[in-house]
PDB file of all heavy atoms in Angstrom:
ATOM      1  N   ILE A   1      18.526 -12.649   1.651  1.00  0.00           N
ATOM      2  CA  ILE A   1      17.319 -13.382   2.039  1.00  0.00           C
ATOM      3  C   ILE A   1      16.281 -12.423   2.603  1.00  0.00           C
ATOM      4  O   ILE A   1      15.089 -12.500   2.273  1.00  0.00           O
ATOM      5  CB  ILE A   1      17.658 -14.508   3.037  1.00  0.00           C
ATOM      6  CG1 ILE A   1      18.429 -15.617   2.318  1.00  0.00           C
ATOM      7  CG2 ILE A   1      16.400 -15.052   3.721  1.00  0.00           C
ATOM      8  CD1 ILE A   1      19.069 -16.639   3.237  1.00  0.00           C
ATOM      9  N   GLN A   2      16.718 -11.485   3.426  1.00  0.00           N
ATOM     10  CA  GLN A   2      15.794 -10.498   3.991  1.00  0.00           C
ATOM     11  C   GLN A   2      15.241  -9.569   2.911  1.00  0.00           C
ATOM     12  O   GLN A   2      14.062  -9.207   2.931  1.00  0.00           O
ATOM     13  CB  GLN A   2      16.471  -9.698   5.099  1.00  0.00           C
ATOM     14  CG  GLN A   2      16.750 -10.504   6.342  1.00  0.00           C
ATOM     15  CD  GLN A   2      15.498 -11.158   6.885  1.00  0.00           C
ATOM     16  OE1 GLN A   2      14.456 -10.520   7.032  1.00  0.00           O
ATOM     17  NE2 GLN A   2      15.564 -12.455   7.166  1.00  0.00           N
ATOM     18  N   LEU A   3      16.079  -9.189   1.963  1.00  0.00           N
ATOM     19  CA  LEU A   3      15.612  -8.344   0.856  1.00  0.00           C
ATOM     20  C   LEU A   3      14.568  -9.085   0.010  1.00  0.00           C
ATOM     21  O   LEU A   3      13.590  -8.483  -0.438  1.00  0.00           O
ATOM     22  CB  LEU A   3      16.784  -7.890  -0.014  1.00  0.00           C
ATOM     23  CG  LEU A   3      17.699  -6.839   0.612  1.00  0.00           C
ATOM     24  CD1 LEU A   3      18.930  -6.623  -0.266  1.00  0.00           C
ATOM     25  CD2 LEU A   3      16.956  -5.534   0.835  1.00  0.00           C
ATOM     26  N   SER A   4      14.775 -10.370  -0.165  1.00  0.00           N
ATOM     27  CA  SER A   4      13.787 -11.174  -0.894  1.00  0.00           C
ATOM     28  C   SER A   4      12.460 -11.208  -0.144  1.00  0.00           C
ATOM     29  O   SER A   4      11.385 -11.114  -0.752  1.00  0.00           O
ATOM     30  CB  SER A   4      14.324 -12.590  -1.095  1.00  0.00           C
ATOM     31  OG  SER A   4      13.366 -13.398  -1.719  1.00  0.00           O
ATOM     32  N   ALA A   5      12.525 -11.321   1.162  1.00  0.00           N
ATOM     33  CA  ALA A   5      11.310 -11.320   1.981  1.00  0.00           C
ATOM     34  C   ALA A   5      10.587  -9.978   1.868  1.00  0.00           C
ATOM     35  O   ALA A   5       9.352  -9.930   1.781  1.00  0.00           O
ATOM     36  CB  ALA A   5      11.647 -11.622   3.438  1.00  0.00           C
ATOM     37  N   ILE A   6      11.341  -8.894   1.861  1.00  0.00           N
ATOM     38  CA  ILE A   6      10.748  -7.560   1.702  1.00  0.00           C
ATOM     39  C   ILE A   6      10.082  -7.442   0.338  1.00  0.00           C
ATOM     40  O   ILE A   6       8.961  -6.926   0.230  1.00  0.00           O
ATOM     41  CB  ILE A   6      11.817  -6.461   1.890  1.00  0.00           C
ATOM     42  CG1 ILE A   6      12.306  -6.433   3.338  1.00  0.00           C
ATOM     43  CG2 ILE A   6      11.277  -5.091   1.478  1.00  0.00           C
ATOM     44  CD1 ILE A   6      13.558  -5.596   3.549  1.00  0.00           C
ATOM     45  N   ASP A   7      10.757  -7.920  -0.689  1.00  0.00           N
ATOM     46  CA  ASP A   7      10.195  -7.884  -2.041  1.00  0.00           C
ATOM     47  C   ASP A   7       8.861  -8.626  -2.093  1.00  0.00           C
ATOM     48  O   ASP A   7       7.882  -8.119  -2.643  1.00  0.00           O
ATOM     49  CB  ASP A   7      11.197  -8.493  -3.024  1.00  0.00           C
ATOM     50  CG  ASP A   7      10.721  -8.441  -4.458  1.00  0.00           C
ATOM     51  OD1 ASP A   7      10.364  -7.344  -4.934  1.00  0.00           O
ATOM     52  OD2 ASP A   7      10.721  -9.505  -5.116  1.00  0.00           O
ATOM     53  N   LYS A   8       8.809  -9.784  -1.482  1.00  0.00           N
ATOM     54  CA  LYS A   8       7.558 -10.561  -1.451  1.00  0.00           C
ATOM     55  C   LYS A   8       6.480  -9.836  -0.659  1.00  0.00           C
ATOM     56  O   LYS A   8       5.303  -9.847  -1.043  1.00  0.00           O
ATOM     57  CB  LYS A   8       7.815 -11.949  -0.886  1.00  0.00           C
ATOM     58  CG  LYS A   8       8.603 -12.830  -1.831  1.00  0.00           C
ATOM     59  CD  LYS A   8       8.913 -14.182  -1.219  1.00  0.00           C
ATOM     60  CE  LYS A   8       9.807 -14.970  -2.171  1.00  0.00           C
ATOM     61  NZ  LYS A   8      10.263 -16.223  -1.594  1.00  0.00           N
ATOM     62  N   SER A   9       6.864  -9.198   0.431  1.00  0.00           N
ATOM     63  CA  SER A   9       5.905  -8.442   1.235  1.00  0.00           C
ATOM     64  C   SER A   9       5.306  -7.287   0.440  1.00  0.00           C
ATOM     65  O   SER A   9       4.102  -7.036   0.500  1.00  0.00           O
ATOM     66  CB  SER A   9       6.574  -7.889   2.500  1.00  0.00           C
ATOM     67  OG  SER A   9       6.986  -8.922   3.352  1.00  0.00           O
ATOM     68  N   ILE A  10       6.149  -6.584  -0.294  1.00  0.00           N
ATOM     69  CA  ILE A  10       5.680  -5.446  -1.091  1.00  0.00           C
ATOM     70  C   ILE A  10       4.762  -5.927  -2.211  1.00  0.00           C
ATOM     71  O   ILE A  10       3.695  -5.343  -2.443  1.00  0.00           O
ATOM     72  CB  ILE A  10       6.869  -4.647  -1.649  1.00  0.00           C
ATOM     73  CG1 ILE A  10       7.592  -3.927  -0.501  1.00  0.00           C
ATOM     74  CG2 ILE A  10       6.421  -3.647  -2.720  1.00  0.00           C
ATOM     75  CD1 ILE A  10       8.895  -3.282  -0.891  1.00  0.00           C
ATOM     76  N   LYS A  11       5.136  -7.005  -2.885  1.00  0.00           N
ATOM     77  CA  LYS A  11       4.293  -7.538  -3.961  1.00  0.00           C
ATOM     78  C   LYS A  11       2.951  -8.007  -3.414  1.00  0.00           C
ATOM     79  O   LYS A  11       1.902  -7.784  -4.032  1.00  0.00           O
ATOM     80  CB  LYS A  11       5.011  -8.666  -4.685  1.00  0.00           C
ATOM     81  CG  LYS A  11       6.126  -8.171  -5.576  1.00  0.00           C
ATOM     82  CD  LYS A  11       6.868  -9.300  -6.257  1.00  0.00           C
ATOM     83  CE  LYS A  11       7.989  -8.736  -7.127  1.00  0.00           C
ATOM     84  NZ  LYS A  11       8.826  -9.788  -7.683  1.00  0.00           N
ATOM     85  N   SER A  12       2.964  -8.633  -2.264  1.00  0.00           N
ATOM     86  CA  SER A  12       1.726  -9.095  -1.647  1.00  0.00           C
ATOM     87  C   SER A  12       0.825  -7.914  -1.295  1.00  0.00           C
ATOM     88  O   SER A  12      -0.384  -7.944  -1.540  1.00  0.00           O
ATOM     89  CB  SER A  12       2.045  -9.913  -0.394  1.00  0.00           C
ATOM     90  OG  SER A  12       0.872 -10.267   0.285  1.00  0.00           O
ATOM     91  N   LEU A  13       1.403  -6.864  -0.738  1.00  0.00           N
ATOM     92  CA  LEU A  13       0.642  -5.670  -0.399  1.00  0.00           C
ATOM     93  C   LEU A  13       0.083  -5.008  -1.657  1.00  0.00           C
ATOM     94  O   LEU A  13      -1.075  -4.585  -1.673  1.00  0.00           O
ATOM     95  CB  LEU A  13       1.513  -4.687   0.382  1.00  0.00           C
ATOM     96  CG  LEU A  13       0.847  -3.372   0.772  1.00  0.00           C
ATOM     97  CD1 LEU A  13      -0.412  -3.613   1.606  1.00  0.00           C
ATOM     98  CD2 LEU A  13       1.829  -2.493   1.512  1.00  0.00           C
ATOM     99  N   ALA A  14       0.879  -4.947  -2.709  1.00  0.00           N
ATOM    100  CA  ALA A  14       0.406  -4.372  -3.965  1.00  0.00           C
ATOM    101  C   ALA A  14      -0.793  -5.153  -4.488  1.00  0.00           C
ATOM    102  O   ALA A  14      -1.769  -4.560  -4.976  1.00  0.00           O
ATOM    103  CB  ALA A  14       1.530  -4.350  -5.000  1.00  0.00           C
ATOM    104  N   ASN A  15      -0.757  -6.468  -4.361  1.00  0.00           N
ATOM    105  CA  ASN A  15      -1.886  -7.290  -4.812  1.00  0.00           C
ATOM    106  C   ASN A  15      -3.134  -7.032  -3.979  1.00  0.00           C
ATOM    107  O   ASN A  15      -4.246  -7.012  -4.508  1.00  0.00           O
ATOM    108  CB  ASN A  15      -1.514  -8.769  -4.788  1.00  0.00           C
ATOM    109  CG  ASN A  15      -0.609  -9.143  -5.936  1.00  0.00           C
ATOM    110  OD1 ASN A  15      -0.686  -8.575  -7.015  1.00  0.00           O
ATOM    111  ND2 ASN A  15       0.266 -10.108  -5.708  1.00  0.00           N
ATOM    112  N   VAL A  16      -2.978  -6.827  -2.687  1.00  0.00           N
ATOM    113  CA  VAL A  16      -4.118  -6.513  -1.826  1.00  0.00           C
ATOM    114  C   VAL A  16      -4.743  -5.184  -2.251  1.00  0.00           C
ATOM    115  O   VAL A  16      -5.967  -5.067  -2.367  1.00  0.00           O
ATOM    116  CB  VAL A  16      -3.694  -6.464  -0.339  1.00  0.00           C
ATOM    117  CG1 VAL A  16      -4.770  -5.840   0.531  1.00  0.00           C
ATOM    118  CG2 VAL A  16      -3.343  -7.856   0.162  1.00  0.00           C
ATOM    119  N   ILE A  17      -3.908  -4.192  -2.497  1.00  0.00           N
ATOM    120  CA  ILE A  17      -4.409  -2.877  -2.900  1.00  0.00           C
ATOM    121  C   ILE A  17      -5.067  -2.954  -4.271  1.00  0.00           C
ATOM    122  O   ILE A  17      -6.134  -2.373  -4.487  1.00  0.00           O
ATOM    123  CB  ILE A  17      -3.276  -1.830  -2.861  1.00  0.00           C
ATOM    124  CG1 ILE A  17      -2.844  -1.612  -1.398  1.00  0.00           C
ATOM    125  CG2 ILE A  17      -3.719  -0.517  -3.499  1.00  0.00           C
ATOM    126  CD1 ILE A  17      -1.600  -0.767  -1.239  1.00  0.00           C
ATOM    127  N   LEU A  18      -4.469  -3.695  -5.192  1.00  0.00           N
ATOM    128  CA  LEU A  18      -5.054  -3.860  -6.521  1.00  0.00           C
ATOM    129  C   LEU A  18      -6.405  -4.565  -6.432  1.00  0.00           C
ATOM    130  O   LEU A  18      -7.373  -4.139  -7.058  1.00  0.00           O
ATOM    131  CB  LEU A  18      -4.110  -4.652  -7.429  1.00  0.00           C
ATOM    132  CG  LEU A  18      -4.621  -4.953  -8.833  1.00  0.00           C
ATOM    133  CD1 LEU A  18      -4.885  -3.664  -9.604  1.00  0.00           C
ATOM    134  CD2 LEU A  18      -3.622  -5.825  -9.574  1.00  0.00           C
ATOM    135  N   ASP A  19      -6.484  -5.612  -5.641  1.00  0.00           N
ATOM    136  CA  ASP A  19      -7.740  -6.336  -5.454  1.00  0.00           C
ATOM    137  C   ASP A  19      -8.818  -5.403  -4.914  1.00  0.00           C
ATOM    138  O   ASP A  19      -9.945  -5.367  -5.420  1.00  0.00           O
ATOM    139  CB  ASP A  19      -7.512  -7.509  -4.501  1.00  0.00           C
ATOM    140  CG  ASP A  19      -8.753  -8.332  -4.303  1.00  0.00           C
ATOM    141  OD1 ASP A  19      -9.083  -9.139  -5.202  1.00  0.00           O
ATOM    142  OD2 ASP A  19      -9.413  -8.171  -3.243  1.00  0.00           O
ATOM    143  N   ASN A  20      -8.464  -4.627  -3.907  1.00  0.00           N
ATOM    144  CA  ASN A  20      -9.401  -3.674  -3.324  1.00  0.00           C
ATOM    145  C   ASN A  20      -9.830  -2.628  -4.352  1.00  0.00           C
ATOM    146  O   ASN A  20     -11.009  -2.296  -4.453  1.00  0.00           O
ATOM    147  CB  ASN A  20      -8.767  -3.003  -2.104  1.00  0.00           C
ATOM    148  CG  ASN A  20      -9.720  -2.070  -1.422  1.00  0.00           C
ATOM    149  OD1 ASN A  20     -10.804  -2.464  -1.003  1.00  0.00           O
ATOM    150  ND2 ASN A  20      -9.332  -0.803  -1.306  1.00  0.00           N
ATOM    151  N   HIS A  21      -8.874  -2.141  -5.120  1.00  0.00           N
ATOM    152  CA  HIS A  21      -9.160  -1.137  -6.151  1.00  0.00           C
ATOM    153  C   HIS A  21     -10.163  -1.668  -7.164  1.00  0.00           C
ATOM    154  O   HIS A  21     -11.110  -0.979  -7.542  1.00  0.00           O
ATOM    155  CB  HIS A  21      -7.863  -0.725  -6.847  1.00  0.00           C
ATOM    156  CG  HIS A  21      -8.047   0.219  -7.989  1.00  0.00           C
ATOM    157  ND1 HIS A  21      -8.582   1.478  -7.840  1.00  0.00           N
ATOM    158  CD2 HIS A  21      -7.766   0.079  -9.313  1.00  0.00           C
ATOM    159  CE1 HIS A  21      -8.615   2.082  -9.025  1.00  0.00           C
ATOM    160  NE2 HIS A  21      -8.136   1.246  -9.931  1.00  0.00           N
ATOM    161  N   MET A  22      -9.957  -2.905  -7.576  1.00  0.00           N
ATOM    162  CA  MET A  22     -10.836  -3.481  -8.587  1.00  0.00           C
ATOM    163  C   MET A  22     -12.245  -3.721  -8.046  1.00  0.00           C
ATOM    164  O   MET A  22     -13.223  -3.598  -8.782  1.00  0.00           O
ATOM    165  CB  MET A  22     -10.237  -4.775  -9.134  1.00  0.00           C
ATOM    166  CG  MET A  22      -8.987  -4.505  -9.954  1.00  0.00           C
ATOM    167  SD  MET A  22      -8.296  -5.974 -10.686  1.00  0.00           S
ATOM    168  CE  MET A  22      -9.484  -6.244 -12.003  1.00  0.00           C
ATOM    169  N   HIS A  23     -12.362  -4.041  -6.771  1.00  0.00           N
ATOM    170  CA  HIS A  23     -13.673  -4.316  -6.180  1.00  0.00           C
ATOM    171  C   HIS A  23     -14.398  -3.052  -5.709  1.00  0.00           C
ATOM    172  O   HIS A  23     -15.579  -3.116  -5.374  1.00  0.00           O
ATOM    173  CB  HIS A  23     -13.543  -5.290  -5.012  1.00  0.00           C
ATOM    174  CG  HIS A  23     -13.335  -6.699  -5.456  1.00  0.00           C
ATOM    175  ND1 HIS A  23     -12.075  -7.263  -5.563  1.00  0.00           N
ATOM    176  CD2 HIS A  23     -14.214  -7.650  -5.846  1.00  0.00           C
ATOM    177  CE1 HIS A  23     -12.204  -8.496  -5.983  1.00  0.00           C
ATOM    178  NE2 HIS A  23     -13.476  -8.771  -6.167  1.00  0.00           N
ATOM    179  N   THR A  24     -13.706  -1.938  -5.663  1.00  0.00           N
ATOM    180  CA  THR A  24     -14.350  -0.702  -5.207  1.00  0.00           C
ATOM    181  C   THR A  24     -14.299   0.369  -6.296  1.00  0.00           C
ATOM    182  O   THR A  24     -15.279   0.606  -6.976  1.00  0.00           O
ATOM    183  CB  THR A  24     -13.703  -0.187  -3.905  1.00  0.00           C
ATOM    184  OG1 THR A  24     -12.299   0.024  -4.112  1.00  0.00           O
ATOM    185  CG2 THR A  24     -13.918  -1.151  -2.752  1.00  0.00           C
ATOM    186  N   CYS A  25     -13.161   0.972  -6.462  1.00  0.00           N
ATOM    187  CA  CYS A  25     -13.009   2.111  -7.378  1.00  0.00           C
ATOM    188  C   CYS A  25     -13.380   1.750  -8.810  1.00  0.00           C
ATOM    189  O   CYS A  25     -14.102   2.502  -9.473  1.00  0.00           O
ATOM    190  CB  CYS A  25     -11.569   2.628  -7.346  1.00  0.00           C
ATOM    191  SG  CYS A  25     -10.996   3.089  -5.704  1.00  0.00           S
ATOM    192  N   LEU A  26     -12.880   0.624  -9.289  1.00  0.00           N
ATOM    193  CA  LEU A  26     -13.130   0.240 -10.674  1.00  0.00           C
ATOM    194  C   LEU A  26     -14.620   0.030 -10.929  1.00  0.00           C
ATOM    195  O   LEU A  26     -15.179   0.582 -11.885  1.00  0.00           O
ATOM    196  CB  LEU A  26     -12.344  -1.032 -11.016  1.00  0.00           C
ATOM    197  CG  LEU A  26     -12.428  -1.511 -12.452  1.00  0.00           C
ATOM    198  CD1 LEU A  26     -11.766  -0.515 -13.388  1.00  0.00           C
ATOM    199  CD2 LEU A  26     -11.790  -2.874 -12.590  1.00  0.00           C
ATOM    200  N   ILE A  27     -15.263  -0.729 -10.066  1.00  0.00           N
ATOM    201  CA  ILE A  27     -16.696  -0.992 -10.223  1.00  0.00           C
ATOM    202  C   ILE A  27     -17.495   0.310 -10.133  1.00  0.00           C
ATOM    203  O   ILE A  27     -18.388   0.560 -10.939  1.00  0.00           O
ATOM    204  CB  ILE A  27     -17.178  -2.025  -9.188  1.00  0.00           C
ATOM    205  CG1 ILE A  27     -16.583  -3.396  -9.526  1.00  0.00           C
ATOM    206  CG2 ILE A  27     -18.704  -2.083  -9.137  1.00  0.00           C
ATOM    207  CD1 ILE A  27     -16.845  -4.463  -8.479  1.00  0.00           C
ATOM    208  N   GLU A  28     -17.157   1.148  -9.175  1.00  0.00           N
ATOM    209  CA  GLU A  28     -17.858   2.424  -8.997  1.00  0.00           C
ATOM    210  C   GLU A  28     -17.749   3.295 -10.246  1.00  0.00           C
ATOM    211  O   GLU A  28     -18.739   3.884 -10.702  1.00  0.00           O
ATOM    212  CB  GLU A  28     -17.285   3.152  -7.785  1.00  0.00           C
ATOM    213  CG  GLU A  28     -17.988   4.444  -7.450  1.00  0.00           C
ATOM    214  CD  GLU A  28     -17.381   5.094  -6.216  1.00  0.00           C
ATOM    215  OE1 GLU A  28     -17.293   4.418  -5.170  1.00  0.00           O
ATOM    216  OE2 GLU A  28     -17.000   6.275  -6.319  1.00  0.00           O
ATOM    217  N   ASN A  29     -16.553   3.379 -10.818  1.00  0.00           N
ATOM    218  CA  ASN A  29     -16.356   4.182 -12.028  1.00  0.00           C
ATOM    219  C   ASN A  29     -17.149   3.634 -13.203  1.00  0.00           C
ATOM    220  O   ASN A  29     -17.763   4.400 -13.956  1.00  0.00           O
ATOM    221  CB  ASN A  29     -14.873   4.258 -12.390  1.00  0.00           C
ATOM    222  CG  ASN A  29     -14.165   5.366 -11.650  1.00  0.00           C
ATOM    223  OD1 ASN A  29     -14.258   6.514 -12.036  1.00  0.00           O
ATOM    224  ND2 ASN A  29     -13.468   5.012 -10.575  1.00  0.00           N
ATOM    225  N   ILE A  30     -17.148   2.328 -13.370  1.00  0.00           N
ATOM    226  CA  ILE A  30     -17.896   1.720 -14.477  1.00  0.00           C
ATOM    227  C   ILE A  30     -19.396   1.950 -14.297  1.00  0.00           C
ATOM    228  O   ILE A  30     -20.099   2.293 -15.252  1.00  0.00           O
ATOM    229  CB  ILE A  30     -17.554   0.227 -14.611  1.00  0.00           C
ATOM    230  CG1 ILE A  30     -16.109   0.070 -15.112  1.00  0.00           C
ATOM    231  CG2 ILE A  30     -18.528  -0.470 -15.560  1.00  0.00           C
ATOM    232  CD1 ILE A  30     -15.593  -1.347 -15.089  1.00  0.00           C
ATOM    233  N   GLU A  31     -19.877   1.791 -13.074  1.00  0.00           N
ATOM    234  CA  GLU A  31     -21.296   2.032 -12.808  1.00  0.00           C
ATOM    235  C   GLU A  31     -21.691   3.478 -13.095  1.00  0.00           C
ATOM    236  O   GLU A  31     -22.836   3.756 -13.457  1.00  0.00           O
ATOM    237  CB  GLU A  31     -21.641   1.662 -11.366  1.00  0.00           C
ATOM    238  CG  GLU A  31     -21.648   0.173 -11.111  1.00  0.00           C
ATOM    239  CD  GLU A  31     -21.871  -0.194  -9.653  1.00  0.00           C
ATOM    240  OE1 GLU A  31     -21.756   0.683  -8.765  1.00  0.00           O
ATOM    241  OE2 GLU A  31     -22.153  -1.371  -9.396  1.00  0.00           O
ATOM    242  N   ASN A  32     -20.739   4.397 -12.938  1.00  0.00           N
ATOM    243  CA  ASN A  32     -20.999   5.813 -13.207  1.00  0.00           C
ATOM    244  C   ASN A  32     -20.704   6.197 -14.656  1.00  0.00           C
ATOM    245  O   ASN A  32     -20.718   7.377 -15.004  1.00  0.00           O
ATOM    246  CB  ASN A  32     -20.192   6.695 -12.251  1.00  0.00           C
ATOM    247  CG  ASN A  32     -20.698   6.601 -10.823  1.00  0.00           C
ATOM    248  OD1 ASN A  32     -21.888   6.415 -10.601  1.00  0.00           O
ATOM    249  ND2 ASN A  32     -19.797   6.721  -9.871  1.00  0.00           N
ATOM    250  N   GLY A  33     -20.423   5.195 -15.487  1.00  0.00           N
ATOM    251  CA  GLY A  33     -20.218   5.453 -16.901  1.00  0.00           C
ATOM    252  C   GLY A  33     -18.814   5.869 -17.302  1.00  0.00           C
ATOM    253  O   GLY A  33     -18.579   6.237 -18.445  1.00  0.00           O
TER     254      GLY A  33
END
């Protein structure tokens, strides 16, 4: 049960980082061609 909770925590964190990446790095790179 605890390992499942850790797995969910890691996936949630990965989604936060991906969301941030798409709203910052991805947009910046596209704007720069």
